Amino acid sequence: MMTNELHRQLQGWSLATAEIMYHMPDYHSVLQSFIWQEYDLAPRFPRLIRFLDFWHANLDGPLASVRVAHRSLIGPAELRLVDAEWKLH
């Protein structure tokens, strides 16, 4: 029996990640970041739209911007050589 995630991928679902920037409720000049990640159907992203509609209707922090990235998890294997690594702090 296939797992639920694999079954969704075979039906065209992909892992979607959204960076949601929103204004703090008490300090509108301050932006805060929230990361949302879920399996969703590109390019319409019905689950993300439903989440953003919930946010708009129920949460006090008004949305400033939303950036979306997605990648199909089933596909040809890709290997890349990384020749450098940078660390902060």
C-alpha atoms as a PDB file:
ATOM      1  CA  MET A   1       0.000   0.000   0.000  1.00  0.00           C
ATOM      2  CA  MET A   2       1.325   3.462  -0.943  1.00  0.00           C
ATOM      3  CA  THR A   3       1.735   6.167   1.633  1.00  0.00           C
ATOM      4  CA  ASN A   4      -0.535   9.172   1.430  1.00  0.00           C
ATOM      5  CA  GLU A   5       2.323  11.537   0.447  1.00  0.00           C
ATOM      6  CA  LEU A   6       3.519   9.281  -2.378  1.00  0.00           C
ATOM      7  CA  HIS A   7      -0.028   8.869  -3.663  1.00  0.00           C
ATOM      8  CA  ARG A   8      -0.450  12.664  -3.753  1.00  0.00           C
ATOM      9  CA  GLN A   9       2.839  13.111  -5.626  1.00  0.00           C
ATOM     10  CA  LEU A  10       1.735  10.612  -8.242  1.00  0.00           C
ATOM     11  CA  GLN A  11      -1.440  12.672  -8.683  1.00  0.00           C
ATOM     12  CA  GLY A  12       0.545  15.874  -9.337  1.00  0.00           C
ATOM     13  CA  TRP A  13       0.862  17.323  -5.835  1.00  0.00           C
ATOM     14  CA  SER A  14       4.173  18.946  -4.928  1.00  0.00           C
ATOM     15  CA  LEU A  15       5.758  20.323  -1.786  1.00  0.00           C
ATOM     16  CA  ALA A  16       4.992  24.045  -1.611  1.00  0.00           C
ATOM     17  CA  THR A  17       6.744  26.516   0.668  1.00  0.00           C
ATOM     18  CA  ALA A  18       5.459  30.033   1.268  1.00  0.00           C
ATOM     19  CA  GLU A  19       7.244  32.857   3.036  1.00  0.00           C
ATOM     20  CA  ILE A  20       4.533  35.075   4.460  1.00  0.00           C
ATOM     21  CA  MET A  21       5.512  38.587   5.525  1.00  0.00           C
ATOM     22  CA  TYR A  22       2.974  40.311   7.745  1.00  0.00           C
ATOM     23  CA  HIS A  23       2.692  43.461   9.829  1.00  0.00           C
ATOM     24  CA  MET A  24       2.710  43.052  13.604  1.00  0.00           C
ATOM     25  CA  PRO A  25      -0.786  43.778  14.974  1.00  0.00           C
ATOM     26  CA  ASP A  26       0.353  46.395  17.519  1.00  0.00           C
ATOM     27  CA  TYR A  27       3.284  47.815  15.512  1.00  0.00           C
ATOM     28  CA  HIS A  28       2.292  48.114  11.846  1.00  0.00           C
ATOM     29  CA  SER A  29       5.719  49.380  10.815  1.00  0.00           C
ATOM     30  CA  VAL A  30       7.340  46.095  11.962  1.00  0.00           C
ATOM     31  CA  LEU A  31       7.314  43.116   9.588  1.00  0.00           C
ATOM     32  CA  GLN A  32       7.394  39.526  10.785  1.00  0.00           C
ATOM     33  CA  SER A  33       8.085  36.399   8.726  1.00  0.00           C
ATOM     34  CA  PHE A  34       6.154  33.114   8.811  1.00  0.00           C
ATOM     35  CA  ILE A  35       7.048  29.972   6.828  1.00  0.00           C
ATOM     36  CA  TRP A  36       4.230  27.682   5.644  1.00  0.00           C
ATOM     37  CA  GLN A  37       4.945  24.306   4.024  1.00  0.00           C
ATOM     38  CA  GLU A  38       2.477  21.711   2.778  1.00  0.00           C
ATOM     39  CA  TYR A  39       1.707  19.476  -0.193  1.00  0.00           C
ATOM     40  CA  ASP A  40      -0.330  21.497  -2.677  1.00  0.00           C
ATOM     41  CA  LEU A  41      -1.386  21.549  -6.323  1.00  0.00           C
ATOM     42  CA  ALA A  42       0.599  24.007  -8.450  1.00  0.00           C
ATOM     43  CA  PRO A  43      -0.100  26.481 -10.016  1.00  0.00           C
ATOM     44  CA  ARG A  44      -3.401  27.243  -8.247  1.00  0.00           C
ATOM     45  CA  PHE A  45      -2.274  26.257  -4.715  1.00  0.00           C
ATOM     46  CA  PRO A  46      -5.757  25.672  -3.210  1.00  0.00           C
ATOM     47  CA  ARG A  47      -4.438  24.775   0.266  1.00  0.00           C
ATOM     48  CA  LEU A  48      -2.273  27.904   0.461  1.00  0.00           C
ATOM     49  CA  ILE A  49      -5.171  30.088  -0.718  1.00  0.00           C
ATOM     50  CA  ARG A  50      -7.430  28.510   1.917  1.00  0.00           C
ATOM     51  CA  PHE A  51      -4.770  29.163   4.603  1.00  0.00           C
ATOM     52  CA  LEU A  52      -4.342  32.793   3.500  1.00  0.00           C
ATOM     53  CA  ASP A  53      -8.121  33.292   3.502  1.00  0.00           C
ATOM     54  CA  PHE A  54      -8.224  31.918   7.065  1.00  0.00           C
ATOM     55  CA  TRP A  55      -5.358  34.240   8.042  1.00  0.00           C
ATOM     56  CA  HIS A  56      -7.114  37.275   6.572  1.00  0.00           C
ATOM     57  CA  ALA A  57     -10.432  36.442   8.270  1.00  0.00           C
ATOM     58  CA  ASN A  58      -9.173  35.392  11.714  1.00  0.00           C
ATOM     59  CA  LEU A  59      -5.753  36.874  12.492  1.00  0.00           C
ATOM     60  CA  ASP A  60      -4.867  40.471  13.334  1.00  0.00           C
ATOM     61  CA  GLY A  61      -1.550  40.727  11.466  1.00  0.00           C
ATOM     62  CA  PRO A  62      -2.275  42.133   7.982  1.00  0.00           C
ATOM     63  CA  LEU A  63      -0.391  40.433   5.145  1.00  0.00           C
ATOM     64  CA  ALA A  64       2.404  42.380   3.458  1.00  0.00           C
ATOM     65  CA  SER A  65       3.661  39.822   0.906  1.00  0.00           C
ATOM     66  CA  VAL A  66       3.696  36.113   0.090  1.00  0.00           C
ATOM     67  CA  ARG A  67       6.494  34.354  -1.825  1.00  0.00           C
ATOM     68  CA  VAL A  68       5.829  30.806  -3.025  1.00  0.00           C
ATOM     69  CA  ALA A  69       8.233  28.097  -4.148  1.00  0.00           C
ATOM     70  CA  HIS A  70       7.443  24.533  -5.063  1.00  0.00           C
ATOM     71  CA  ARG A  71       9.257  21.510  -6.319  1.00  0.00           C
ATOM     72  CA  SER A  72       7.955  18.213  -7.542  1.00  0.00           C
ATOM     73  CA  LEU A  73       9.554  15.565  -5.357  1.00  0.00           C
ATOM     74  CA  ILE A  74       9.249  12.788  -7.916  1.00  0.00           C
ATOM     75  CA  GLY A  75      11.622  13.306 -10.804  1.00  0.00           C
ATOM     76  CA  PRO A  76      15.088  12.488 -12.047  1.00  0.00           C
ATOM     77  CA  ALA A  77      17.836  12.461  -9.465  1.00  0.00           C
ATOM     78  CA  GLU A  78      20.069  15.497  -9.481  1.00  0.00           C
ATOM     79  CA  LEU A  79      23.561  15.556  -8.057  1.00  0.00           C
ATOM     80  CA  ARG A  80      25.504  18.766  -7.674  1.00  0.00           C
ATOM     81  CA  LEU A  81      29.031  19.335  -6.470  1.00  0.00           C
ATOM     82  CA  VAL A  82      29.270  22.037  -3.853  1.00  0.00           C
ATOM     83  CA  ASP A  83      32.693  23.616  -3.855  1.00  0.00           C
ATOM     84  CA  ALA A  84      32.257  26.152  -1.053  1.00  0.00           C
ATOM     85  CA  GLU A  85      30.521  26.566   2.247  1.00  0.00           C
ATOM     86  CA  TRP A  86      29.894  29.817   4.112  1.00  0.00           C
ATOM     87  CA  LYS A  87      28.938  30.023   7.765  1.00  0.00           C
ATOM     88  CA  LEU A  88      27.587  33.045   9.557  1.00  0.00           C
ATOM     89  CA  HIS A  89      28.444  33.492  13.227  1.00  0.00           C
END
